[in-house]
Amino acid sequence: MRNLFLAAVAMLMTATFAFAATSSQTPSQKGTEYAQKIIKALVVEDYDALYQNSESMGYYVVNLDESQIDSFFESFNEGIYYYCNYYGLGEEFAREFLESFYSSLLEELAAYDN
């Protein structure tokens, strides 16, 4: 499960800046939706769905303004905890996932700035 987790984080971060989408949902709703889709894809080991949702999420996020990004990631974080518990992965997995996710995100942003 740990290797699956690390692979998922890598896929998420690779795709974060590659894709953009528009939607009638609020950023908060989209954050929760992406959390659910990503955790579900991890649970069922559907790497295609994980990649597609990661790309879509990255494309969506790059088109948000600062307040929308805050709202999105607040809901995304809450959704990760909720769906990790829902699918029996637990809070520790959610915490580790988010730590790796944000660590990778900061690395991507640093590379993007250079």
PDB file of N, CA and C in Angstrom:
ATOM      1  N   MET A   1       0.830  -1.183   0.000  1.00  0.00           N
ATOM      2  CA  MET A   1       0.000   0.000   0.000  1.00  0.00           C
ATOM      3  C   MET A   1       0.881   1.255   0.000  1.00  0.00           C
ATOM      4  N   ARG A   2       2.027   1.166   0.653  1.00  0.00           N
ATOM      5  CA  ARG A   2       2.929   2.319   0.716  1.00  0.00           C
ATOM      6  C   ARG A   2       3.439   2.684  -0.683  1.00  0.00           C
ATOM      7  N   ASN A   3       3.825   1.661  -1.480  1.00  0.00           N
ATOM      8  CA  ASN A   3       4.284   1.925  -2.840  1.00  0.00           C
ATOM      9  C   ASN A   3       3.169   2.514  -3.687  1.00  0.00           C
ATOM     10  N   LEU A   4       1.972   2.027  -3.491  1.00  0.00           N
ATOM     11  CA  LEU A   4       0.810   2.561  -4.195  1.00  0.00           C
ATOM     12  C   LEU A   4       0.610   4.021  -3.835  1.00  0.00           C
ATOM     13  N   PHE A   5       0.743   4.314  -2.566  1.00  0.00           N
ATOM     14  CA  PHE A   5       0.596   5.681  -2.065  1.00  0.00           C
ATOM     15  C   PHE A   5       1.632   6.607  -2.710  1.00  0.00           C
ATOM     16  N   LEU A   6       2.880   6.200  -2.707  1.00  0.00           N
ATOM     17  CA  LEU A   6       3.936   7.027  -3.274  1.00  0.00           C
ATOM     18  C   LEU A   6       3.764   7.199  -4.780  1.00  0.00           C
ATOM     19  N   ALA A   7       3.343   6.154  -5.454  1.00  0.00           N
ATOM     20  CA  ALA A   7       3.086   6.253  -6.891  1.00  0.00           C
ATOM     21  C   ALA A   7       1.953   7.239  -7.156  1.00  0.00           C
ATOM     22  N   ALA A   8       0.935   7.199  -6.322  1.00  0.00           N
ATOM     23  CA  ALA A   8      -0.208   8.104  -6.491  1.00  0.00           C
ATOM     24  C   ALA A   8       0.208   9.549  -6.295  1.00  0.00           C
ATOM     25  N   VAL A   9       1.019   9.802  -5.289  1.00  0.00           N
ATOM     26  CA  VAL A   9       1.485  11.170  -5.040  1.00  0.00           C
ATOM     27  C   VAL A   9       2.306  11.661  -6.227  1.00  0.00           C
ATOM     28  N   ALA A  10       3.187  10.818  -6.729  1.00  0.00           N
ATOM     29  CA  ALA A  10       4.002  11.202  -7.876  1.00  0.00           C
ATOM     30  C   ALA A  10       3.128  11.515  -9.087  1.00  0.00           C
ATOM     31  N   MET A  11       2.116  10.691  -9.313  1.00  0.00           N
ATOM     32  CA  MET A  11       1.211  10.922 -10.441  1.00  0.00           C
ATOM     33  C   MET A  11       0.430  12.216 -10.261  1.00  0.00           C
ATOM     34  N   LEU A  12      -0.004  12.473  -9.044  1.00  0.00           N
ATOM     35  CA  LEU A  12      -0.739  13.697  -8.773  1.00  0.00           C
ATOM     36  C   LEU A  12       0.101  14.925  -9.081  1.00  0.00           C
ATOM     37  N   MET A  13       1.324  14.907  -8.614  1.00  0.00           N
ATOM     38  CA  MET A  13       2.141  16.084  -8.767  1.00  0.00           C
ATOM     39  C   MET A  13       2.603  16.284 -10.203  1.00  0.00           C
ATOM     40  N   THR A  14       2.837  15.208 -10.920  1.00  0.00           N
ATOM     41  CA  THR A  14       3.221  15.318 -12.317  1.00  0.00           C
ATOM     42  C   THR A  14       2.109  15.973 -13.120  1.00  0.00           C
ATOM     43  N   ALA A  15       0.884  15.654 -12.772  1.00  0.00           N
ATOM     44  CA  ALA A  15      -0.254  16.134 -13.538  1.00  0.00           C
ATOM     45  C   ALA A  15      -0.822  17.455 -13.046  1.00  0.00           C
ATOM     46  N   THR A  16      -0.409  17.924 -11.904  1.00  0.00           N
ATOM     47  CA  THR A  16      -1.043  19.076 -11.286  1.00  0.00           C
ATOM     48  C   THR A  16      -1.091  20.293 -12.192  1.00  0.00           C
ATOM     49  N   PHE A  17      -0.017  20.543 -12.922  1.00  0.00           N
ATOM     50  CA  PHE A  17       0.024  21.742 -13.749  1.00  0.00           C
ATOM     51  C   PHE A  17      -0.292  21.479 -15.213  1.00  0.00           C
ATOM     52  N   ALA A  18      -0.730  20.271 -15.528  1.00  0.00           N
ATOM     53  CA  ALA A  18      -0.882  19.885 -16.925  1.00  0.00           C
ATOM     54  C   ALA A  18      -2.290  20.057 -17.475  1.00  0.00           C
ATOM     55  N   PHE A  19      -3.272  20.270 -16.639  1.00  0.00           N
ATOM     56  CA  PHE A  19      -4.652  20.180 -17.087  1.00  0.00           C
ATOM     57  C   PHE A  19      -5.488  21.319 -16.514  1.00  0.00           C
ATOM     58  N   ALA A  20      -6.535  21.806 -17.189  1.00  0.00           N
ATOM     59  CA  ALA A  20      -7.450  22.804 -16.634  1.00  0.00           C
ATOM     60  C   ALA A  20      -8.874  22.442 -17.023  1.00  0.00           C
ATOM     61  N   ALA A  21      -9.833  22.761 -16.150  1.00  0.00           N
ATOM     62  CA  ALA A  21     -11.229  22.434 -16.423  1.00  0.00           C
ATOM     63  C   ALA A  21     -12.123  23.516 -15.839  1.00  0.00           C
ATOM     64  N   THR A  22     -13.301  23.610 -16.398  1.00  0.00           N
ATOM     65  CA  THR A  22     -14.276  24.540 -15.861  1.00  0.00           C
ATOM     66  C   THR A  22     -15.476  23.749 -15.375  1.00  0.00           C
ATOM     67  N   SER A  23     -16.207  24.323 -14.423  1.00  0.00           N
ATOM     68  CA  SER A  23     -17.331  23.603 -13.844  1.00  0.00           C
ATOM     69  C   SER A  23     -18.281  24.586 -13.190  1.00  0.00           C
ATOM     70  N   SER A  24     -19.520  24.158 -13.036  1.00  0.00           N
ATOM     71  CA  SER A  24     -20.488  24.986 -12.335  1.00  0.00           C
ATOM     72  C   SER A  24     -20.420  24.767 -10.829  1.00  0.00           C
ATOM     73  N   GLN A  25     -19.646  23.785 -10.385  1.00  0.00           N
ATOM     74  CA  GLN A  25     -19.502  23.538  -8.962  1.00  0.00           C
ATOM     75  C   GLN A  25     -18.579  24.588  -8.341  1.00  0.00           C
ATOM     76  N   THR A  26     -18.772  24.819  -7.055  1.00  0.00           N
ATOM     77  CA  THR A  26     -17.883  25.731  -6.345  1.00  0.00           C
ATOM     78  C   THR A  26     -16.529  25.057  -6.151  1.00  0.00           C
ATOM     79  N   PRO A  27     -15.482  25.843  -5.913  1.00  0.00           N
ATOM     80  CA  PRO A  27     -14.180  25.240  -5.625  1.00  0.00           C
ATOM     81  C   PRO A  27     -14.229  24.295  -4.420  1.00  0.00           C
ATOM     82  N   SER A  28     -15.024  24.618  -3.441  1.00  0.00           N
ATOM     83  CA  SER A  28     -15.169  23.753  -2.274  1.00  0.00           C
ATOM     84  C   SER A  28     -15.754  22.401  -2.674  1.00  0.00           C
ATOM     85  N   GLN A  29     -16.786  22.411  -3.470  1.00  0.00           N
ATOM     86  CA  GLN A  29     -17.406  21.171  -3.933  1.00  0.00           C
ATOM     87  C   GLN A  29     -16.433  20.360  -4.789  1.00  0.00           C
ATOM     88  N   LYS A  30     -15.686  21.055  -5.643  1.00  0.00           N
ATOM     89  CA  LYS A  30     -14.719  20.365  -6.493  1.00  0.00           C
ATOM     90  C   LYS A  30     -13.599  19.759  -5.651  1.00  0.00           C
ATOM     91  N   GLY A  31     -13.165  20.435  -4.604  1.00  0.00           N
ATOM     92  CA  GLY A  31     -12.130  19.887  -3.731  1.00  0.00           C
ATOM     93  C   GLY A  31     -12.561  18.579  -3.109  1.00  0.00           C
ATOM     94  N   THR A  32     -13.784  18.548  -2.630  1.00  0.00           N
ATOM     95  CA  THR A  32     -14.325  17.321  -2.042  1.00  0.00           C
ATOM     96  C   THR A  32     -14.462  16.229  -3.103  1.00  0.00           C
ATOM     97  N   GLU A  33     -14.924  16.601  -4.277  1.00  0.00           N
ATOM     98  CA  GLU A  33     -15.097  15.632  -5.361  1.00  0.00           C
ATOM     99  C   GLU A  33     -13.759  15.018  -5.772  1.00  0.00           C
ATOM    100  N   TYR A  34     -12.743  15.848  -5.935  1.00  0.00           N
ATOM    101  CA  TYR A  34     -11.438  15.313  -6.322  1.00  0.00           C
ATOM    102  C   TYR A  34     -10.848  14.426  -5.233  1.00  0.00           C
ATOM    103  N   ALA A  35     -11.044  14.792  -3.982  1.00  0.00           N
ATOM    104  CA  ALA A  35     -10.558  13.951  -2.881  1.00  0.00           C
ATOM    105  C   ALA A  35     -11.200  12.570  -2.962  1.00  0.00           C
ATOM    106  N   GLN A  36     -12.500  12.531  -3.175  1.00  0.00           N
ATOM    107  CA  GLN A  36     -13.210  11.255  -3.252  1.00  0.00           C
ATOM    108  C   GLN A  36     -12.714  10.416  -4.427  1.00  0.00           C
ATOM    109  N   LYS A  37     -12.589  11.027  -5.582  1.00  0.00           N
ATOM    110  CA  LYS A  37     -12.165  10.294  -6.778  1.00  0.00           C
ATOM    111  C   LYS A  37     -10.739   9.763  -6.638  1.00  0.00           C
ATOM    112  N   ILE A  38      -9.858  10.558  -6.072  1.00  0.00           N
ATOM    113  CA  ILE A  38      -8.459  10.151  -5.936  1.00  0.00           C
ATOM    114  C   ILE A  38      -8.315   9.019  -4.930  1.00  0.00           C
ATOM    115  N   ILE A  39      -8.959   9.145  -3.780  1.00  0.00           N
ATOM    116  CA  ILE A  39      -8.863   8.081  -2.775  1.00  0.00           C
ATOM    117  C   ILE A  39      -9.526   6.801  -3.285  1.00  0.00           C
ATOM    118  N   LYS A  40     -10.662   6.927  -3.940  1.00  0.00           N
ATOM    119  CA  LYS A  40     -11.315   5.734  -4.492  1.00  0.00           C
ATOM    120  C   LYS A  40     -10.412   5.050  -5.521  1.00  0.00           C
ATOM    121  N   ALA A  41      -9.778   5.828  -6.384  1.00  0.00           N
ATOM    122  CA  ALA A  41      -8.876   5.249  -7.379  1.00  0.00           C
ATOM    123  C   ALA A  41      -7.701   4.539  -6.706  1.00  0.00           C
ATOM    124  N   LEU A  42      -7.205   5.087  -5.609  1.00  0.00           N
ATOM    125  CA  LEU A  42      -6.137   4.416  -4.861  1.00  0.00           C
ATOM    126  C   LEU A  42      -6.618   3.095  -4.289  1.00  0.00           C
ATOM    127  N   VAL A  43      -7.807   3.108  -3.723  1.00  0.00           N
ATOM    128  CA  VAL A  43      -8.345   1.909  -3.080  1.00  0.00           C
ATOM    129  C   VAL A  43      -8.533   0.774  -4.078  1.00  0.00           C
ATOM    130  N   VAL A  44      -9.072   1.096  -5.236  1.00  0.00           N
ATOM    131  CA  VAL A  44      -9.338   0.045  -6.236  1.00  0.00           C
ATOM    132  C   VAL A  44      -8.153  -0.158  -7.187  1.00  0.00           C
ATOM    133  N   GLU A  45      -7.069   0.577  -6.928  1.00  0.00           N
ATOM    134  CA  GLU A  45      -5.847   0.489  -7.731  1.00  0.00           C
ATOM    135  C   GLU A  45      -6.108   0.726  -9.208  1.00  0.00           C
ATOM    136  N   ASP A  46      -6.913   1.732  -9.491  1.00  0.00           N
ATOM    137  CA  ASP A  46      -7.228   2.130 -10.859  1.00  0.00           C
ATOM    138  C   ASP A  46      -6.313   3.297 -11.233  1.00  0.00           C
ATOM    139  N   TYR A  47      -5.142   2.966 -11.772  1.00  0.00           N
ATOM    140  CA  TYR A  47      -4.141   3.979 -12.068  1.00  0.00           C
ATOM    141  C   TYR A  47      -4.557   4.900 -13.204  1.00  0.00           C
ATOM    142  N   ASP A  48      -5.341   4.409 -14.136  1.00  0.00           N
ATOM    143  CA  ASP A  48      -5.839   5.274 -15.208  1.00  0.00           C
ATOM    144  C   ASP A  48      -6.758   6.352 -14.640  1.00  0.00           C
ATOM    145  N   ALA A  49      -7.665   5.960 -13.771  1.00  0.00           N
ATOM    146  CA  ALA A  49      -8.572   6.934 -13.141  1.00  0.00           C
ATOM    147  C   ALA A  49      -7.782   7.903 -12.276  1.00  0.00           C
ATOM    148  N   LEU A  50      -6.794   7.398 -11.571  1.00  0.00           N
ATOM    149  CA  LEU A  50      -5.962   8.257 -10.732  1.00  0.00           C
ATOM    150  C   LEU A  50      -5.258   9.306 -11.584  1.00  0.00           C
ATOM    151  N   TYR A  51      -4.681   8.880 -12.676  1.00  0.00           N
ATOM    152  CA  TYR A  51      -3.981   9.799 -13.572  1.00  0.00           C
ATOM    153  C   TYR A  51      -4.943  10.819 -14.181  1.00  0.00           C
ATOM    154  N   GLN A  52      -6.073  10.352 -14.668  1.00  0.00           N
ATOM    155  CA  GLN A  52      -7.046  11.256 -15.286  1.00  0.00           C
ATOM    156  C   GLN A  52      -7.567  12.289 -14.289  1.00  0.00           C
ATOM    157  N   ASN A  53      -7.875  11.845 -13.074  1.00  0.00           N
ATOM    158  CA  ASN A  53      -8.367  12.780 -12.064  1.00  0.00           C
ATOM    159  C   ASN A  53      -7.277  13.741 -11.615  1.00  0.00           C
ATOM    160  N   SER A  54      -6.045  13.277 -11.576  1.00  0.00           N
ATOM    161  CA  SER A  54      -4.928  14.142 -11.216  1.00  0.00           C
ATOM    162  C   SER A  54      -4.727  15.231 -12.258  1.00  0.00           C
ATOM    163  N   GLU A  55      -4.776  14.848 -13.517  1.00  0.00           N
ATOM    164  CA  GLU A  55      -4.649  15.829 -14.593  1.00  0.00           C
ATOM    165  C   GLU A  55      -5.780  16.845 -14.537  1.00  0.00           C
ATOM    166  N   SER A  56      -6.969  16.340 -14.392  1.00  0.00           N
ATOM    167  CA  SER A  56      -8.136  17.210 -14.340  1.00  0.00           C
ATOM    168  C   SER A  56      -8.056  18.182 -13.167  1.00  0.00           C
ATOM    169  N   MET A  57      -7.647  17.678 -12.018  1.00  0.00           N
ATOM    170  CA  MET A  57      -7.518  18.524 -10.832  1.00  0.00           C
ATOM    171  C   MET A  57      -6.474  19.614 -11.052  1.00  0.00           C
ATOM    172  N   GLY A  58      -5.333  19.252 -11.600  1.00  0.00           N
ATOM    173  CA  GLY A  58      -4.292  20.242 -11.851  1.00  0.00           C
ATOM    174  C   GLY A  58      -4.752  21.334 -12.794  1.00  0.00           C
ATOM    175  N   TYR A  59      -5.447  20.934 -13.821  1.00  0.00           N
ATOM    176  CA  TYR A  59      -5.953  21.891 -14.794  1.00  0.00           C
ATOM    177  C   TYR A  59      -7.004  22.808 -14.162  1.00  0.00           C
ATOM    178  N   TYR A  60      -7.813  22.240 -13.301  1.00  0.00           N
ATOM    179  CA  TYR A  60      -8.833  23.027 -12.607  1.00  0.00           C
ATOM    180  C   TYR A  60      -8.192  24.052 -11.669  1.00  0.00           C
ATOM    181  N   VAL A  61      -7.227  23.612 -10.869  1.00  0.00           N
ATOM    182  CA  VAL A  61      -6.631  24.466  -9.836  1.00  0.00           C
ATOM    183  C   VAL A  61      -5.884  25.654 -10.427  1.00  0.00           C
ATOM    184  N   VAL A  62      -5.184  25.458 -11.544  1.00  0.00           N
ATOM    185  CA  VAL A  62      -4.400  26.569 -12.090  1.00  0.00           C
ATOM    186  C   VAL A  62      -5.276  27.714 -12.588  1.00  0.00           C
ATOM    187  N   ASN A  63      -6.557  27.483 -12.723  1.00  0.00           N
ATOM    188  CA  ASN A  63      -7.465  28.535 -13.186  1.00  0.00           C
ATOM    189  C   ASN A  63      -8.233  29.215 -12.060  1.00  0.00           C
ATOM    190  N   LEU A  64      -7.901  28.904 -10.818  1.00  0.00           N
ATOM    191  CA  LEU A  64      -8.577  29.506  -9.674  1.00  0.00           C
ATOM    192  C   LEU A  64      -7.824  30.731  -9.179  1.00  0.00           C
ATOM    193  N   ASP A  65      -8.568  31.664  -8.573  1.00  0.00           N
ATOM    194  CA  ASP A  65      -7.892  32.782  -7.921  1.00  0.00           C
ATOM    195  C   ASP A  65      -7.517  32.368  -6.494  1.00  0.00           C
ATOM    196  N   GLU A  66      -6.834  33.241  -5.774  1.00  0.00           N
ATOM    197  CA  GLU A  66      -6.289  32.884  -4.468  1.00  0.00           C
ATOM    198  C   GLU A  66      -7.353  32.430  -3.466  1.00  0.00           C
ATOM    199  N   SER A  67      -8.463  33.132  -3.380  1.00  0.00           N
ATOM    200  CA  SER A  67      -9.502  32.741  -2.419  1.00  0.00           C
ATOM    201  C   SER A  67     -10.155  31.420  -2.825  1.00  0.00           C
ATOM    202  N   GLN A  68     -10.287  31.201  -4.113  1.00  0.00           N
ATOM    203  CA  GLN A  68     -10.853  29.943  -4.586  1.00  0.00           C
ATOM    204  C   GLN A  68      -9.904  28.777  -4.314  1.00  0.00           C
ATOM    205  N   ILE A  69      -8.615  29.022  -4.446  1.00  0.00           N
ATOM    206  CA  ILE A  69      -7.615  27.986  -4.155  1.00  0.00           C
ATOM    207  C   ILE A  69      -7.686  27.605  -2.685  1.00  0.00           C
ATOM    208  N   ASP A  70      -7.800  28.605  -1.801  1.00  0.00           N
ATOM    209  CA  ASP A  70      -7.931  28.323  -0.369  1.00  0.00           C
ATOM    210  C   ASP A  70      -9.147  27.456  -0.097  1.00  0.00           C
ATOM    211  N   SER A  71     -10.279  27.819  -0.675  1.00  0.00           N
ATOM    212  CA  SER A  71     -11.516  27.066  -0.495  1.00  0.00           C
ATOM    213  C   SER A  71     -11.377  25.648  -1.043  1.00  0.00           C
ATOM    214  N   PHE A  72     -10.790  25.536  -2.219  1.00  0.00           N
ATOM    215  CA  PHE A  72     -10.606  24.229  -2.841  1.00  0.00           C
ATOM    216  C   PHE A  72      -9.781  23.320  -1.945  1.00  0.00           C
ATOM    217  N   PHE A  73      -8.615  23.804  -1.498  1.00  0.00           N
ATOM    218  CA  PHE A  73      -7.724  22.938  -0.733  1.00  0.00           C
ATOM    219  C   PHE A  73      -8.219  22.671   0.689  1.00  0.00           C
ATOM    220  N   GLU A  74      -8.975  23.575   1.270  1.00  0.00           N
ATOM    221  CA  GLU A  74      -9.603  23.268   2.564  1.00  0.00           C
ATOM    222  C   GLU A  74     -10.547  22.077   2.419  1.00  0.00           C
ATOM    223  N   SER A  75     -11.361  22.114   1.393  1.00  0.00           N
ATOM    224  CA  SER A  75     -12.296  21.012   1.153  1.00  0.00           C
ATOM    225  C   SER A  75     -11.579  19.754   0.694  1.00  0.00           C
ATOM    226  N   PHE A  76     -10.542  19.908  -0.088  1.00  0.00           N
ATOM    227  CA  PHE A  76      -9.760  18.766  -0.536  1.00  0.00           C
ATOM    228  C   PHE A  76      -9.155  18.050   0.682  1.00  0.00           C
ATOM    229  N   ASN A  77      -8.557  18.819   1.588  1.00  0.00           N
ATOM    230  CA  ASN A  77      -7.968  18.227   2.797  1.00  0.00           C
ATOM    231  C   ASN A  77      -9.014  17.497   3.624  1.00  0.00           C
ATOM    232  N   GLU A  78     -10.131  18.157   3.867  1.00  0.00           N
ATOM    233  CA  GLU A  78     -11.216  17.530   4.633  1.00  0.00           C
ATOM    234  C   GLU A  78     -11.717  16.279   3.928  1.00  0.00           C
ATOM    235  N   GLY A  79     -11.829  16.356   2.604  1.00  0.00           N
ATOM    236  CA  GLY A  79     -12.290  15.215   1.824  1.00  0.00           C
ATOM    237  C   GLY A  79     -11.323  14.048   1.880  1.00  0.00           C
ATOM    238  N   ILE A  80     -10.038  14.333   1.855  1.00  0.00           N
ATOM    239  CA  ILE A  80      -9.040  13.257   1.955  1.00  0.00           C
ATOM    240  C   ILE A  80      -9.219  12.520   3.276  1.00  0.00           C
ATOM    241  N   TYR A  81      -9.348  13.251   4.375  1.00  0.00           N
ATOM    242  CA  TYR A  81      -9.564  12.592   5.674  1.00  0.00           C
ATOM    243  C   TYR A  81     -10.869  11.803   5.683  1.00  0.00           C
ATOM    244  N   TYR A  82     -11.925  12.424   5.180  1.00  0.00           N
ATOM    245  CA  TYR A  82     -13.222  11.760   5.187  1.00  0.00           C
ATOM    246  C   TYR A  82     -13.170  10.454   4.380  1.00  0.00           C
ATOM    247  N   TYR A  83     -12.674  10.526   3.147  1.00  0.00           N
ATOM    248  CA  TYR A  83     -12.703   9.352   2.285  1.00  0.00           C
ATOM    249  C   TYR A  83     -11.661   8.301   2.680  1.00  0.00           C
ATOM    250  N   CYS A  84     -10.571   8.712   3.287  1.00  0.00           N
ATOM    251  CA  CYS A  84      -9.640   7.715   3.828  1.00  0.00           C
ATOM    252  C   CYS A  84     -10.315   6.926   4.947  1.00  0.00           C
ATOM    253  N   ASN A  85     -11.055   7.608   5.792  1.00  0.00           N
ATOM    254  CA  ASN A  85     -11.804   6.907   6.836  1.00  0.00           C
ATOM    255  C   ASN A  85     -12.923   6.067   6.229  1.00  0.00           C
ATOM    256  N   TYR A  86     -13.629   6.616   5.268  1.00  0.00           N
ATOM    257  CA  TYR A  86     -14.738   5.914   4.618  1.00  0.00           C
ATOM    258  C   TYR A  86     -14.275   4.595   3.992  1.00  0.00           C
ATOM    259  N   TYR A  87     -13.117   4.626   3.330  1.00  0.00           N
ATOM    260  CA  TYR A  87     -12.610   3.429   2.662  1.00  0.00           C
ATOM    261  C   TYR A  87     -11.701   2.585   3.556  1.00  0.00           C
ATOM    262  N   GLY A  88     -11.633   2.928   4.839  1.00  0.00           N
ATOM    263  CA  GLY A  88     -10.899   2.111   5.804  1.00  0.00           C
ATOM    264  C   GLY A  88      -9.394   2.308   5.805  1.00  0.00           C
ATOM    265  N   LEU A  89      -8.910   3.387   5.242  1.00  0.00           N
ATOM    266  CA  LEU A  89      -7.473   3.643   5.215  1.00  0.00           C
ATOM    267  C   LEU A  89      -6.984   4.334   6.486  1.00  0.00           C
ATOM    268  N   GLY A  90      -7.867   5.071   7.129  1.00  0.00           N
ATOM    269  CA  GLY A  90      -7.548   5.703   8.397  1.00  0.00           C
ATOM    270  C   GLY A  90      -6.926   7.084   8.280  1.00  0.00           C
ATOM    271  N   GLU A  91      -6.883   7.754   9.423  1.00  0.00           N
ATOM    272  CA  GLU A  91      -6.373   9.122   9.485  1.00  0.00           C
ATOM    273  C   GLU A  91      -4.867   9.195   9.267  1.00  0.00           C
ATOM    274  N   GLU A  92      -4.144   8.197   9.703  1.00  0.00           N
ATOM    275  CA  GLU A  92      -2.692   8.190   9.511  1.00  0.00           C
ATOM    276  C   GLU A  92      -2.350   8.181   8.017  1.00  0.00           C
ATOM    277  N   PHE A  93      -3.052   7.361   7.257  1.00  0.00           N
ATOM    278  CA  PHE A  93      -2.835   7.325   5.810  1.00  0.00           C
ATOM    279  C   PHE A  93      -3.169   8.688   5.203  1.00  0.00           C
ATOM    280  N   ALA A  94      -4.280   9.280   5.632  1.00  0.00           N
ATOM    281  CA  ALA A  94      -4.680  10.590   5.110  1.00  0.00           C
ATOM    282  C   ALA A  94      -3.615  11.634   5.413  1.00  0.00           C
ATOM    283  N   ARG A  95      -3.107  11.623   6.641  1.00  0.00           N
ATOM    284  CA  ARG A  95      -2.085  12.593   7.037  1.00  0.00           C
ATOM    285  C   ARG A  95      -0.823  12.408   6.194  1.00  0.00           C
ATOM    286  N   GLU A  96      -0.388  11.165   6.029  1.00  0.00           N
ATOM    287  CA  GLU A  96       0.809  10.892   5.230  1.00  0.00           C
ATOM    288  C   GLU A  96       0.601  11.263   3.764  1.00  0.00           C
ATOM    289  N   PHE A  97      -0.585  10.968   3.255  1.00  0.00           N
ATOM    290  CA  PHE A  97      -0.904  11.333   1.879  1.00  0.00           C
ATOM    291  C   PHE A  97      -0.794  12.841   1.690  1.00  0.00           C
ATOM    292  N   LEU A  98      -1.424  13.600   2.585  1.00  0.00           N
ATOM    293  CA  LEU A  98      -1.408  15.058   2.455  1.00  0.00           C
ATOM    294  C   LEU A  98      -0.009  15.628   2.643  1.00  0.00           C
ATOM    295  N   GLU A  99       0.772  15.075   3.561  1.00  0.00           N
ATOM    296  CA  GLU A  99       2.151  15.545   3.740  1.00  0.00           C
ATOM    297  C   GLU A  99       2.954  15.328   2.465  1.00  0.00           C
ATOM    298  N   SER A 100       2.834  14.156   1.869  1.00  0.00           N
ATOM    299  CA  SER A 100       3.552  13.869   0.628  1.00  0.00           C
ATOM    300  C   SER A 100       3.029  14.730  -0.518  1.00  0.00           C
ATOM    301  N   PHE A 101       1.729  14.889  -0.550  1.00  0.00           N
ATOM    302  CA  PHE A 101       1.100  15.699  -1.599  1.00  0.00           C
ATOM    303  C   PHE A 101       1.639  17.123  -1.568  1.00  0.00           C
ATOM    304  N   TYR A 102       1.607  17.759  -0.395  1.00  0.00           N
ATOM    305  CA  TYR A 102       2.053  19.151  -0.306  1.00  0.00           C
ATOM    306  C   TYR A 102       3.558  19.286  -0.445  1.00  0.00           C
ATOM    307  N   SER A 103       4.309  18.307  -0.003  1.00  0.00           N
ATOM    308  CA  SER A 103       5.757  18.330  -0.206  1.00  0.00           C
ATOM    309  C   SER A 103       6.066  18.283  -1.700  1.00  0.00           C
ATOM    310  N   SER A 104       5.388  17.407  -2.413  1.00  0.00           N
ATOM    311  CA  SER A 104       5.570  17.298  -3.862  1.00  0.00           C
ATOM    312  C   SER A 104       5.096  18.555  -4.570  1.00  0.00           C
ATOM    313  N   LEU A 105       4.009  19.113  -4.098  1.00  0.00           N
ATOM    314  CA  LEU A 105       3.483  20.344  -4.696  1.00  0.00           C
ATOM    315  C   LEU A 105       4.496  21.477  -4.568  1.00  0.00           C
ATOM    316  N   LEU A 106       5.099  21.617  -3.395  1.00  0.00           N
ATOM    317  CA  LEU A 106       6.107  22.662  -3.198  1.00  0.00           C
ATOM    318  C   LEU A 106       7.312  22.441  -4.098  1.00  0.00           C
ATOM    319  N   GLU A 107       7.729  21.190  -4.278  1.00  0.00           N
ATOM    320  CA  GLU A 107       8.831  20.884  -5.186  1.00  0.00           C
ATOM    321  C   GLU A 107       8.475  21.256  -6.623  1.00  0.00           C
ATOM    322  N   GLU A 108       7.253  20.938  -7.030  1.00  0.00           N
ATOM    323  CA  GLU A 108       6.798  21.271  -8.384  1.00  0.00           C
ATOM    324  C   GLU A 108       6.767  22.783  -8.582  1.00  0.00           C
ATOM    325  N   LEU A 109       6.277  23.502  -7.595  1.00  0.00           N
ATOM    326  CA  LEU A 109       6.212  24.956  -7.689  1.00  0.00           C
ATOM    327  C   LEU A 109       7.607  25.572  -7.769  1.00  0.00           C
ATOM    328  N   ALA A 110       8.528  25.033  -6.983  1.00  0.00           N
ATOM    329  CA  ALA A 110       9.904  25.523  -7.021  1.00  0.00           C
ATOM    330  C   ALA A 110      10.529  25.270  -8.395  1.00  0.00           C
ATOM    331  N   ALA A 111      10.301  24.116  -8.945  1.00  0.00           N
ATOM    332  CA  ALA A 111      10.828  23.792 -10.270  1.00  0.00           C
ATOM    333  C   ALA A 111      10.168  24.652 -11.331  1.00  0.00           C
ATOM    334  N   TYR A 112       8.901  24.934 -11.152  1.00  0.00           N
ATOM    335  CA  TYR A 112       8.148  25.742 -12.100  1.00  0.00           C
ATOM    336  C   TYR A 112       8.661  27.185 -12.115  1.00  0.00           C
ATOM    337  N   ASP A 113       9.066  27.698 -10.936  1.00  0.00           N
ATOM    338  CA  ASP A 113       9.577  29.060 -10.823  1.00  0.00           C
ATOM    339  C   ASP A 113      10.946  29.209 -11.481  1.00  0.00           C
ATOM    340  N   ASN A 114      11.692  28.115 -11.534  1.00  0.00           N
ATOM    341  CA  ASN A 114      13.060  28.186 -12.116  1.00  0.00           C
ATOM    342  C   ASN A 114      12.929  28.007 -13.578  1.00  0.00           C
TER     343      ASN A 114
END
